[in-house]
Amino acid sequence: MIWLLLKSWTRSKEGYELFADMGEKMNFPGVKNAKVSKVFHTAKQKMLLLFDYGDEWRFIVQYLEDGDLRGMKLPALLDSKGKAPDQYGDFFDEDDESES
């Protein structure tokens, strides 16, 4: 099931695009004003989060349930697998050195 979700993301009928928020014409609305309560329709629903269009980091995000969040620092990460990589590694450091 997860493999199918990852493989077929380009054929999705529902989505939210960062570039739509930047004024580009996209197939889906922007992400900045997307609310969890409107995006997820049922408990246990899953969506693919595609982070960094160049590297295509893919994450499965699952809506678990509504809950009392008073006193909880948000956003909260409930579960993860493995060690998170550096977001851009040494990419920007190399560019900075070449400009000096």
C-alpha atoms as a PDB file:
ATOM      1  CA  MET A   1       0.000   0.000   0.000  1.00  0.00           C
ATOM      2  CA  ILE A   2       2.736   2.500   0.939  1.00  0.00           C
ATOM      3  CA  TRP A   3       4.696   1.590  -2.194  1.00  0.00           C
ATOM      4  CA  LEU A   4       1.620   2.304  -4.320  1.00  0.00           C
ATOM      5  CA  LEU A   5       1.092   5.668  -2.625  1.00  0.00           C
ATOM      6  CA  LEU A   6       4.712   6.640  -3.262  1.00  0.00           C
ATOM      7  CA  LYS A   7       4.721   5.412  -6.854  1.00  0.00           C
ATOM      8  CA  SER A   8       1.477   7.048  -7.988  1.00  0.00           C
ATOM      9  CA  TRP A   9       1.818  10.518  -6.447  1.00  0.00           C
ATOM     10  CA  THR A  10       1.918  12.205  -9.855  1.00  0.00           C
ATOM     11  CA  ARG A  11      -1.584  10.906 -10.632  1.00  0.00           C
ATOM     12  CA  SER A  12      -3.130  12.226  -7.430  1.00  0.00           C
ATOM     13  CA  LYS A  13      -6.536  13.898  -7.678  1.00  0.00           C
ATOM     14  CA  GLU A  14      -5.945  15.860  -4.467  1.00  0.00           C
ATOM     15  CA  GLY A  15      -2.914  17.929  -3.557  1.00  0.00           C
ATOM     16  CA  TYR A  16      -1.506  21.224  -2.377  1.00  0.00           C
ATOM     17  CA  GLU A  17       1.335  23.021  -4.168  1.00  0.00           C
ATOM     18  CA  LEU A  18       3.906  25.425  -2.739  1.00  0.00           C
ATOM     19  CA  PHE A  19       4.357  27.037  -6.140  1.00  0.00           C
ATOM     20  CA  ALA A  20       0.655  27.943  -6.261  1.00  0.00           C
ATOM     21  CA  ASP A  21       1.357  30.177  -3.250  1.00  0.00           C
ATOM     22  CA  MET A  22       4.080  31.888  -5.303  1.00  0.00           C
ATOM     23  CA  GLY A  23       1.661  32.843  -8.075  1.00  0.00           C
ATOM     24  CA  GLU A  24       2.394  30.038 -10.536  1.00  0.00           C
ATOM     25  CA  LYS A  25      -0.502  28.248 -12.239  1.00  0.00           C
ATOM     26  CA  MET A  26      -0.668  24.761 -10.746  1.00  0.00           C
ATOM     27  CA  ASN A  27      -3.097  21.830 -10.732  1.00  0.00           C
ATOM     28  CA  PHE A  28      -3.755  22.190  -6.996  1.00  0.00           C
ATOM     29  CA  PRO A  29      -4.305  25.026  -4.508  1.00  0.00           C
ATOM     30  CA  GLY A  30      -1.487  26.411  -2.355  1.00  0.00           C
ATOM     31  CA  VAL A  31      -0.267  24.918   0.910  1.00  0.00           C
ATOM     32  CA  LYS A  32       0.010  28.059   3.038  1.00  0.00           C
ATOM     33  CA  ASN A  33      -3.701  28.306   3.814  1.00  0.00           C
ATOM     34  CA  ALA A  34      -4.412  24.561   3.835  1.00  0.00           C
ATOM     35  CA  LYS A  35      -5.818  23.509   7.205  1.00  0.00           C
ATOM     36  CA  VAL A  36      -5.454  19.985   8.547  1.00  0.00           C
ATOM     37  CA  SER A  37      -9.184  19.931   9.327  1.00  0.00           C
ATOM     38  CA  LYS A  38      -9.953  20.520   5.629  1.00  0.00           C
ATOM     39  CA  VAL A  39      -7.173  18.394   4.109  1.00  0.00           C
ATOM     40  CA  PHE A  40      -7.753  15.184   6.057  1.00  0.00           C
ATOM     41  CA  HIS A  41     -11.311  13.882   5.862  1.00  0.00           C
ATOM     42  CA  THR A  42     -11.136  10.710   7.973  1.00  0.00           C
ATOM     43  CA  ALA A  43      -9.097   9.273  10.833  1.00  0.00           C
ATOM     44  CA  LYS A  44      -6.160   7.102   9.699  1.00  0.00           C
ATOM     45  CA  GLN A  45      -6.104   8.853   6.291  1.00  0.00           C
ATOM     46  CA  LYS A  46      -2.617   9.074   4.764  1.00  0.00           C
ATOM     47  CA  MET A  47      -1.081  11.553   2.383  1.00  0.00           C
ATOM     48  CA  LEU A  48       2.294  11.855   0.762  1.00  0.00           C
ATOM     49  CA  LEU A  49       4.382  14.890   1.694  1.00  0.00           C
ATOM     50  CA  LEU A  50       6.854  15.610  -1.076  1.00  0.00           C
ATOM     51  CA  PHE A  51       9.604  17.802   0.351  1.00  0.00           C
ATOM     52  CA  ASP A  52      12.248  19.364  -1.870  1.00  0.00           C
ATOM     53  CA  TYR A  53      11.172  18.874  -5.458  1.00  0.00           C
ATOM     54  CA  GLY A  54      14.795  18.373  -6.566  1.00  0.00           C
ATOM     55  CA  ASP A  55      15.707  15.589  -4.149  1.00  0.00           C
ATOM     56  CA  GLU A  56      12.109  14.307  -3.846  1.00  0.00           C
ATOM     57  CA  TRP A  57      12.182  13.459  -0.156  1.00  0.00           C
ATOM     58  CA  ARG A  58       8.927  11.583   0.393  1.00  0.00           C
ATOM     59  CA  PHE A  59       7.163  11.252   3.722  1.00  0.00           C
ATOM     60  CA  ILE A  60       3.884   9.551   4.553  1.00  0.00           C
ATOM     61  CA  VAL A  61       1.802  11.781   6.821  1.00  0.00           C
ATOM     62  CA  GLN A  62      -1.102  10.166   8.651  1.00  0.00           C
ATOM     63  CA  TYR A  63      -3.943  11.915  10.422  1.00  0.00           C
ATOM     64  CA  LEU A  64      -4.620   9.940  13.595  1.00  0.00           C
ATOM     65  CA  GLU A  65      -7.412  11.702  15.462  1.00  0.00           C
ATOM     66  CA  ASP A  66      -8.614  14.955  16.971  1.00  0.00           C
ATOM     67  CA  GLY A  67      -7.356  15.509  20.462  1.00  0.00           C
ATOM     68  CA  ASP A  68      -6.901  17.972  23.277  1.00  0.00           C
ATOM     69  CA  LEU A  69      -3.699  19.826  22.479  1.00  0.00           C
ATOM     70  CA  ARG A  70      -3.725  22.306  25.347  1.00  0.00           C
ATOM     71  CA  GLY A  71      -0.242  22.639  26.806  1.00  0.00           C
ATOM     72  CA  MET A  72       1.361  20.695  23.957  1.00  0.00           C
ATOM     73  CA  LYS A  73       4.117  22.395  21.965  1.00  0.00           C
ATOM     74  CA  LEU A  74       3.246  22.292  18.264  1.00  0.00           C
ATOM     75  CA  PRO A  75       4.084  21.015  15.783  1.00  0.00           C
ATOM     76  CA  ALA A  76       4.701  17.663  17.451  1.00  0.00           C
ATOM     77  CA  LEU A  77       6.469  14.718  15.830  1.00  0.00           C
ATOM     78  CA  LEU A  78       4.917  11.502  17.108  1.00  0.00           C
ATOM     79  CA  ASP A  79       7.034   8.919  15.291  1.00  0.00           C
ATOM     80  CA  SER A  80       9.992   8.698  12.940  1.00  0.00           C
ATOM     81  CA  LYS A  81      12.186   6.092  11.283  1.00  0.00           C
ATOM     82  CA  GLY A  82      15.966   6.475  11.079  1.00  0.00           C
ATOM     83  CA  LYS A  83      18.148   9.546  11.467  1.00  0.00           C
ATOM     84  CA  ALA A  84      17.111  12.735   9.696  1.00  0.00           C
ATOM     85  CA  PRO A  85      19.652  13.917   7.104  1.00  0.00           C
ATOM     86  CA  ASP A  86      20.943  17.487   6.972  1.00  0.00           C
ATOM     87  CA  GLN A  87      18.454  19.449   4.912  1.00  0.00           C
ATOM     88  CA  TYR A  88      20.920  20.721   2.322  1.00  0.00           C
ATOM     89  CA  GLY A  89      24.224  19.258   3.514  1.00  0.00           C
ATOM     90  CA  ASP A  90      27.257  21.299   2.447  1.00  0.00           C
ATOM     91  CA  PHE A  91      25.559  22.648  -0.683  1.00  0.00           C
ATOM     92  CA  PHE A  92      25.285  26.264   0.500  1.00  0.00           C
ATOM     93  CA  ASP A  93      28.666  26.235   2.255  1.00  0.00           C
ATOM     94  CA  GLU A  94      30.418  25.404  -1.036  1.00  0.00           C
ATOM     95  CA  ASP A  95      28.646  28.244  -2.864  1.00  0.00           C
ATOM     96  CA  ASP A  96      29.550  30.738  -0.139  1.00  0.00           C
ATOM     97  CA  GLU A  97      33.254  29.835  -0.378  1.00  0.00           C
ATOM     98  CA  SER A  98      33.367  30.202  -4.173  1.00  0.00           C
ATOM     99  CA  GLU A  99      31.878  33.716  -4.022  1.00  0.00           C
ATOM    100  CA  SER A 100      34.598  35.131  -1.711  1.00  0.00           C
END
